[in-house]
Amino acid sequence: MELVYYSDYAVRLVNTEEPARNKDSLTSVDAVRGLFGPSMQAARRATDADVTRFRAVRGRLRAVFAAADSGDEEGAVDLLNSLLLEFPVSPQISGHDQRDEDGRPDWHMHLADHPSNATAGYAAIAAMGLAFHLTEYGVDRLGLCQAQPCRNAYLDTSTNRSRRYCSDRCATRANVAAYRARKRQAAERAESTGLTAENSQEASAGQER
């Protein structure tokens, strides 16, 4: 099962919006279709109505990441379960279009998209993919970027569960900001210490006079 591939559906959708920056790239049918990647058949079903429906699902998926990021494991699971119940998947064995080195079908499990509309199909795969990732690796593997004001969703696949940022760019930006903050604090402490020493010397000089 391509767990990371399917769970990435959820990440892609959630990250079409940056609430803190008031940015939203999910504004057209083309944007909806772009989320499907190589699954063009499912993307072709998208209509104007799916823009609004996708945004609604996006908010619910972000809530799953937010609950997980805050340590609310049961809350994250409950939110995800509600999506799984509303958007069920149809698992299928696939492999006719993929062959191994011996020319035999590379049989694997595939999540077939829902035939009713583009939103139902995408939501079903995104929710199930996220469920696979959560149960396989743990709720704490779902997070929101710590580089303010980003807050993009990410899936932690690091060996030591240390990921805190959605990208190397955000990690670098956060490290630079932290370094500058430390330098500023050090400078303020040095200035404060210097003024205190100067005041102390002036007081001693006054007593001597």
C-alpha atoms as a PDB file:
ATOM      1  CA  MET A   1       0.000   0.000   0.000  1.00  0.00           C
ATOM      2  CA  GLU A   2       1.447   3.365  -0.981  1.00  0.00           C
ATOM      3  CA  LEU A   3       0.761   4.965   2.377  1.00  0.00           C
ATOM      4  CA  VAL A   4       2.778   8.128   1.874  1.00  0.00           C
ATOM      5  CA  TYR A   5       1.307   8.666  -1.582  1.00  0.00           C
ATOM      6  CA  TYR A   6      -2.287   8.502  -0.384  1.00  0.00           C
ATOM      7  CA  SER A   7      -1.707  10.529   2.792  1.00  0.00           C
ATOM      8  CA  ASP A   8      -0.121  13.234   0.656  1.00  0.00           C
ATOM      9  CA  TYR A   9      -3.583  13.909  -0.794  1.00  0.00           C
ATOM     10  CA  ALA A  10      -4.541  15.370   2.591  1.00  0.00           C
ATOM     11  CA  VAL A  11      -1.375  17.458   2.867  1.00  0.00           C
ATOM     12  CA  ARG A  12      -1.782  18.875  -0.639  1.00  0.00           C
ATOM     13  CA  LEU A  13      -5.348  19.952   0.034  1.00  0.00           C
ATOM     14  CA  VAL A  14      -4.707  21.463   3.477  1.00  0.00           C
ATOM     15  CA  ASN A  15      -1.757  23.456   2.173  1.00  0.00           C
ATOM     16  CA  THR A  16      -3.768  25.222  -0.512  1.00  0.00           C
ATOM     17  CA  GLU A  17      -4.608  27.709   2.231  1.00  0.00           C
ATOM     18  CA  GLU A  18      -2.387  29.830   4.476  1.00  0.00           C
ATOM     19  CA  PRO A  19      -4.847  31.312   7.010  1.00  0.00           C
ATOM     20  CA  ALA A  20      -2.313  33.515   8.795  1.00  0.00           C
ATOM     21  CA  ARG A  21      -1.296  35.109   5.507  1.00  0.00           C
ATOM     22  CA  ASN A  22      -4.856  35.289   4.197  1.00  0.00           C
ATOM     23  CA  LYS A  23      -3.834  33.278   1.113  1.00  0.00           C
ATOM     24  CA  ASP A  24      -5.981  30.706  -0.674  1.00  0.00           C
ATOM     25  CA  SER A  25      -5.001  29.068  -3.951  1.00  0.00           C
ATOM     26  CA  LEU A  26      -8.117  26.895  -4.114  1.00  0.00           C
ATOM     27  CA  THR A  27     -10.174  29.367  -6.141  1.00  0.00           C
ATOM     28  CA  SER A  28     -11.005  27.597  -9.410  1.00  0.00           C
ATOM     29  CA  VAL A  29     -11.873  24.283 -11.025  1.00  0.00           C
ATOM     30  CA  ASP A  30      -8.356  24.153 -12.471  1.00  0.00           C
ATOM     31  CA  ALA A  31      -6.939  24.428  -8.950  1.00  0.00           C
ATOM     32  CA  VAL A  32      -9.144  21.526  -7.852  1.00  0.00           C
ATOM     33  CA  ARG A  33      -8.042  19.417 -10.808  1.00  0.00           C
ATOM     34  CA  GLY A  34      -4.406  20.184 -10.090  1.00  0.00           C
ATOM     35  CA  LEU A  35      -4.684  18.489  -6.702  1.00  0.00           C
ATOM     36  CA  PHE A  36      -5.309  15.083  -8.278  1.00  0.00           C
ATOM     37  CA  GLY A  37      -1.868  14.858  -9.820  1.00  0.00           C
ATOM     38  CA  PRO A  38      -1.677  12.006 -12.356  1.00  0.00           C
ATOM     39  CA  SER A  39      -5.252  10.874 -11.613  1.00  0.00           C
ATOM     40  CA  MET A  40      -6.670  12.784 -14.566  1.00  0.00           C
ATOM     41  CA  GLN A  41      -9.820  10.676 -14.951  1.00  0.00           C
ATOM     42  CA  ALA A  42     -11.032  11.682 -11.495  1.00  0.00           C
ATOM     43  CA  ALA A  43      -9.956  15.286 -12.043  1.00  0.00           C
ATOM     44  CA  ARG A  44     -12.119  15.597 -15.139  1.00  0.00           C
ATOM     45  CA  ARG A  45     -15.237  15.183 -12.997  1.00  0.00           C
ATOM     46  CA  ALA A  46     -14.524  18.417 -11.125  1.00  0.00           C
ATOM     47  CA  THR A  47     -17.035  21.261 -11.512  1.00  0.00           C
ATOM     48  CA  ASP A  48     -17.460  24.739 -10.034  1.00  0.00           C
ATOM     49  CA  ALA A  49     -19.428  23.224  -7.155  1.00  0.00           C
ATOM     50  CA  ASP A  50     -16.372  21.223  -6.111  1.00  0.00           C
ATOM     51  CA  VAL A  51     -14.433  24.384  -5.239  1.00  0.00           C
ATOM     52  CA  THR A  52     -16.739  25.055  -2.288  1.00  0.00           C
ATOM     53  CA  ARG A  53     -16.956  21.375  -1.346  1.00  0.00           C
ATOM     54  CA  PHE A  54     -13.173  20.979  -1.424  1.00  0.00           C
ATOM     55  CA  ARG A  55     -12.773  23.976   0.877  1.00  0.00           C
ATOM     56  CA  ALA A  56     -15.143  22.404   3.384  1.00  0.00           C
ATOM     57  CA  VAL A  57     -13.185  19.138   3.385  1.00  0.00           C
ATOM     58  CA  ARG A  58      -9.952  21.115   3.641  1.00  0.00           C
ATOM     59  CA  GLY A  59     -11.114  22.753   6.862  1.00  0.00           C
ATOM     60  CA  ARG A  60     -11.949  19.386   8.385  1.00  0.00           C
ATOM     61  CA  LEU A  61      -8.606  17.885   7.404  1.00  0.00           C
ATOM     62  CA  ARG A  62      -6.757  20.888   8.834  1.00  0.00           C
ATOM     63  CA  ALA A  63      -8.642  20.316  12.076  1.00  0.00           C
ATOM     64  CA  VAL A  64      -7.218  16.770  12.186  1.00  0.00           C
ATOM     65  CA  PHE A  65      -3.664  18.110  11.817  1.00  0.00           C
ATOM     66  CA  ALA A  66      -4.321  20.866  14.376  1.00  0.00           C
ATOM     67  CA  ALA A  67      -5.613  18.371  16.949  1.00  0.00           C
ATOM     68  CA  ALA A  68      -2.644  16.068  16.377  1.00  0.00           C
ATOM     69  CA  ASP A  69      -0.216  18.999  16.559  1.00  0.00           C
ATOM     70  CA  SER A  70      -1.650  20.073  19.925  1.00  0.00           C
ATOM     71  CA  GLY A  71      -1.364  16.550  21.341  1.00  0.00           C
ATOM     72  CA  ASP A  72      -5.087  15.801  21.242  1.00  0.00           C
ATOM     73  CA  GLU A  73      -4.823  12.248  19.910  1.00  0.00           C
ATOM     74  CA  GLU A  74      -8.415  11.216  20.541  1.00  0.00           C
ATOM     75  CA  GLY A  75      -9.698  14.436  19.003  1.00  0.00           C
ATOM     76  CA  ALA A  76      -7.639  13.873  15.855  1.00  0.00           C
ATOM     77  CA  VAL A  77      -8.888  10.293  15.550  1.00  0.00           C
ATOM     78  CA  ASP A  78     -12.513  11.295  16.096  1.00  0.00           C
ATOM     79  CA  LEU A  79     -12.305  13.988  13.419  1.00  0.00           C
ATOM     80  CA  LEU A  80     -10.676  11.593  10.987  1.00  0.00           C
ATOM     81  CA  ASN A  81     -13.208   8.850  11.712  1.00  0.00           C
ATOM     82  CA  SER A  82     -16.047  11.225  10.857  1.00  0.00           C
ATOM     83  CA  LEU A  83     -14.461  11.820   7.458  1.00  0.00           C
ATOM     84  CA  LEU A  84     -13.967   8.093   6.893  1.00  0.00           C
ATOM     85  CA  LEU A  85     -17.636   7.433   7.626  1.00  0.00           C
ATOM     86  CA  GLU A  86     -18.816  10.201   5.335  1.00  0.00           C
ATOM     87  CA  PHE A  87     -16.423   9.390   2.495  1.00  0.00           C
ATOM     88  CA  PRO A  88     -15.919   5.600   2.302  1.00  0.00           C
ATOM     89  CA  VAL A  89     -13.353   4.119  -0.057  1.00  0.00           C
ATOM     90  CA  SER A  90     -13.490   1.174  -2.456  1.00  0.00           C
ATOM     91  CA  PRO A  91     -10.276  -0.860  -2.150  1.00  0.00           C
ATOM     92  CA  GLN A  92      -9.223  -2.787  -5.240  1.00  0.00           C
ATOM     93  CA  ILE A  93      -6.339  -5.009  -6.277  1.00  0.00           C
ATOM     94  CA  SER A  94      -4.484  -3.382  -9.136  1.00  0.00           C
ATOM     95  CA  GLY A  95      -1.423  -4.260 -11.183  1.00  0.00           C
ATOM     96  CA  HIS A  96      -2.325  -4.790 -14.827  1.00  0.00           C
ATOM     97  CA  ASP A  97      -0.628  -1.538 -15.765  1.00  0.00           C
ATOM     98  CA  GLN A  98       2.506  -2.289 -13.718  1.00  0.00           C
ATOM     99  CA  ARG A  99       4.899  -5.193 -14.263  1.00  0.00           C
ATOM    100  CA  ASP A 100       7.744  -6.541 -12.171  1.00  0.00           C
ATOM    101  CA  GLU A 101      11.154  -7.532 -13.552  1.00  0.00           C
ATOM    102  CA  ASP A 102       9.775 -10.921 -14.619  1.00  0.00           C
ATOM    103  CA  GLY A 103       6.943  -9.331 -16.551  1.00  0.00           C
ATOM    104  CA  ARG A 104       4.301 -10.435 -14.081  1.00  0.00           C
ATOM    105  CA  PRO A 105       1.655  -8.003 -12.804  1.00  0.00           C
ATOM    106  CA  ASP A 106       2.879  -6.024  -9.790  1.00  0.00           C
ATOM    107  CA  TRP A 107      -0.198  -6.647  -7.679  1.00  0.00           C
ATOM    108  CA  HIS A 108      -0.905  -4.054  -5.008  1.00  0.00           C
ATOM    109  CA  MET A 109      -3.819  -2.510  -3.147  1.00  0.00           C
ATOM    110  CA  HIS A 110      -5.344   0.548  -4.760  1.00  0.00           C
ATOM    111  CA  LEU A 111      -7.983   2.930  -3.413  1.00  0.00           C
ATOM    112  CA  ALA A 112     -10.539   3.507  -6.131  1.00  0.00           C
ATOM    113  CA  ASP A 113     -12.020   6.987  -6.152  1.00  0.00           C
ATOM    114  CA  HIS A 114     -15.699   7.563  -5.493  1.00  0.00           C
ATOM    115  CA  PRO A 115     -17.752   7.828  -8.711  1.00  0.00           C
ATOM    116  CA  SER A 116     -20.334  10.390  -7.514  1.00  0.00           C
ATOM    117  CA  ASN A 117     -18.253  13.582  -7.659  1.00  0.00           C
ATOM    118  CA  ALA A 118     -14.686  14.830  -7.529  1.00  0.00           C
ATOM    119  CA  THR A 119     -14.865  15.974  -3.898  1.00  0.00           C
ATOM    120  CA  ALA A 120     -16.149  12.640  -2.596  1.00  0.00           C
ATOM    121  CA  GLY A 121     -13.450  10.761  -4.465  1.00  0.00           C
ATOM    122  CA  TYR A 122     -10.618  13.004  -3.310  1.00  0.00           C
ATOM    123  CA  ALA A 123     -11.852  13.197   0.297  1.00  0.00           C
ATOM    124  CA  ALA A 124     -12.173   9.416   0.533  1.00  0.00           C
ATOM    125  CA  ILE A 125      -8.598   8.831  -0.609  1.00  0.00           C
ATOM    126  CA  ALA A 126      -7.185  11.694   1.492  1.00  0.00           C
ATOM    127  CA  ALA A 127      -8.932  10.534   4.667  1.00  0.00           C
ATOM    128  CA  MET A 128      -7.989   6.873   4.202  1.00  0.00           C
ATOM    129  CA  GLY A 129      -4.400   7.754   3.344  1.00  0.00           C
ATOM    130  CA  LEU A 130      -4.150   9.873   6.472  1.00  0.00           C
ATOM    131  CA  ALA A 131      -5.702   7.061   8.511  1.00  0.00           C
ATOM    132  CA  PHE A 132      -3.085   4.626   7.185  1.00  0.00           C
ATOM    133  CA  HIS A 133      -0.306   7.031   8.126  1.00  0.00           C
ATOM    134  CA  LEU A 134      -1.735   7.729  11.579  1.00  0.00           C
ATOM    135  CA  THR A 135      -2.220   4.077  12.533  1.00  0.00           C
ATOM    136  CA  GLU A 136       1.118   2.993  11.087  1.00  0.00           C
ATOM    137  CA  TYR A 137       3.349   5.747  12.481  1.00  0.00           C
ATOM    138  CA  GLY A 138       1.383   7.470  15.257  1.00  0.00           C
ATOM    139  CA  VAL A 139      -0.710  10.595  15.717  1.00  0.00           C
ATOM    140  CA  ASP A 140       2.377  12.636  16.603  1.00  0.00           C
ATOM    141  CA  ARG A 141       3.579  12.158  13.028  1.00  0.00           C
ATOM    142  CA  LEU A 142       0.952  14.664  11.864  1.00  0.00           C
ATOM    143  CA  GLY A 143       1.956  18.261  12.407  1.00  0.00           C
ATOM    144  CA  LEU A 144       1.672  21.917  11.483  1.00  0.00           C
ATOM    145  CA  CYS A 145       4.759  23.928  10.595  1.00  0.00           C
ATOM    146  CA  GLN A 146       6.259  25.756  13.579  1.00  0.00           C
ATOM    147  CA  ALA A 147       7.685  28.556  11.431  1.00  0.00           C
ATOM    148  CA  GLN A 148       5.243  31.392  11.998  1.00  0.00           C
ATOM    149  CA  PRO A 149       3.134  32.398  10.217  1.00  0.00           C
ATOM    150  CA  CYS A 150       3.330  29.356   7.891  1.00  0.00           C
ATOM    151  CA  ARG A 151       1.373  26.586   9.681  1.00  0.00           C
ATOM    152  CA  ASN A 152       1.395  24.300   6.637  1.00  0.00           C
ATOM    153  CA  ALA A 153       0.579  20.656   7.308  1.00  0.00           C
ATOM    154  CA  TYR A 154       3.276  17.993   7.093  1.00  0.00           C
ATOM    155  CA  LEU A 155       3.786  14.277   7.716  1.00  0.00           C
ATOM    156  CA  ASP A 156       6.794  13.460   9.871  1.00  0.00           C
ATOM    157  CA  THR A 157       8.717  10.546   8.361  1.00  0.00           C
ATOM    158  CA  SER A 158      11.966  11.229  10.226  1.00  0.00           C
ATOM    159  CA  THR A 159      13.549   8.338  12.129  1.00  0.00           C
ATOM    160  CA  ASN A 160      13.619  10.225  15.450  1.00  0.00           C
ATOM    161  CA  ARG A 161      10.254  12.014  15.211  1.00  0.00           C
ATOM    162  CA  SER A 162      12.048  15.357  15.132  1.00  0.00           C
ATOM    163  CA  ARG A 163      10.385  17.146  12.231  1.00  0.00           C
ATOM    164  CA  ARG A 164       8.894  20.533  13.126  1.00  0.00           C
ATOM    165  CA  TYR A 165       8.714  22.338   9.803  1.00  0.00           C
ATOM    166  CA  CYS A 166       6.958  21.722   6.488  1.00  0.00           C
ATOM    167  CA  SER A 167      10.056  22.406   4.374  1.00  0.00           C
ATOM    168  CA  ASP A 168      13.779  23.132   4.496  1.00  0.00           C
ATOM    169  CA  ARG A 169      12.971  26.735   3.628  1.00  0.00           C
ATOM    170  CA  CYS A 170      10.798  27.162   6.713  1.00  0.00           C
ATOM    171  CA  ALA A 171      13.347  25.365   8.900  1.00  0.00           C
ATOM    172  CA  THR A 172      16.088  27.725   7.707  1.00  0.00           C
ATOM    173  CA  ARG A 173      13.883  30.771   8.194  1.00  0.00           C
ATOM    174  CA  ALA A 174      12.987  29.674  11.734  1.00  0.00           C
ATOM    175  CA  ASN A 175      16.633  28.988  12.617  1.00  0.00           C
ATOM    176  CA  VAL A 176      17.717  32.383  11.300  1.00  0.00           C
ATOM    177  CA  ALA A 177      14.946  34.101  13.269  1.00  0.00           C
ATOM    178  CA  ALA A 178      15.940  32.221  16.434  1.00  0.00           C
ATOM    179  CA  TYR A 179      19.613  33.150  15.922  1.00  0.00           C
ATOM    180  CA  ARG A 180      18.755  36.813  15.485  1.00  0.00           C
ATOM    181  CA  ALA A 181      16.568  36.719  18.578  1.00  0.00           C
ATOM    182  CA  ARG A 182      19.429  35.254  20.631  1.00  0.00           C
ATOM    183  CA  LYS A 183      21.827  37.903  19.332  1.00  0.00           C
ATOM    184  CA  ARG A 184      19.346  40.646  20.162  1.00  0.00           C
ATOM    185  CA  GLN A 185      18.827  39.307  23.681  1.00  0.00           C
ATOM    186  CA  ALA A 186      22.573  39.021  24.218  1.00  0.00           C
ATOM    187  CA  ALA A 187      23.058  42.602  23.063  1.00  0.00           C
ATOM    188  CA  GLU A 188      20.295  43.810  25.375  1.00  0.00           C
ATOM    189  CA  ARG A 189      21.831  41.953  28.324  1.00  0.00           C
ATOM    190  CA  ALA A 190      25.250  43.362  27.544  1.00  0.00           C
ATOM    191  CA  GLU A 191      23.841  46.870  27.307  1.00  0.00           C
ATOM    192  CA  SER A 192      21.961  46.457  30.564  1.00  0.00           C
ATOM    193  CA  THR A 193      25.022  45.067  32.327  1.00  0.00           C
ATOM    194  CA  GLY A 194      27.155  47.882  30.955  1.00  0.00           C
ATOM    195  CA  LEU A 195      24.779  50.568  32.192  1.00  0.00           C
ATOM    196  CA  THR A 196      24.599  48.938  35.617  1.00  0.00           C
ATOM    197  CA  ALA A 197      28.379  48.871  35.897  1.00  0.00           C
ATOM    198  CA  GLU A 198      28.589  52.499  34.794  1.00  0.00           C
ATOM    199  CA  ASN A 199      25.968  53.552  37.347  1.00  0.00           C
ATOM    200  CA  SER A 200      27.844  51.653  40.030  1.00  0.00           C
ATOM    201  CA  GLN A 201      31.096  53.427  39.189  1.00  0.00           C
ATOM    202  CA  GLU A 202      29.388  56.834  39.280  1.00  0.00           C
ATOM    203  CA  ALA A 203      27.895  56.044  42.693  1.00  0.00           C
ATOM    204  CA  SER A 204      31.307  55.017  44.045  1.00  0.00           C
ATOM    205  CA  ALA A 205      32.900  58.178  42.699  1.00  0.00           C
ATOM    206  CA  GLY A 206      30.231  60.277  44.383  1.00  0.00           C
ATOM    207  CA  GLN A 207      30.858  58.637  47.745  1.00  0.00           C
ATOM    208  CA  GLU A 208      34.588  59.204  47.444  1.00  0.00           C
ATOM    209  CA  ARG A 209      33.995  62.920  46.833  1.00  0.00           C
END
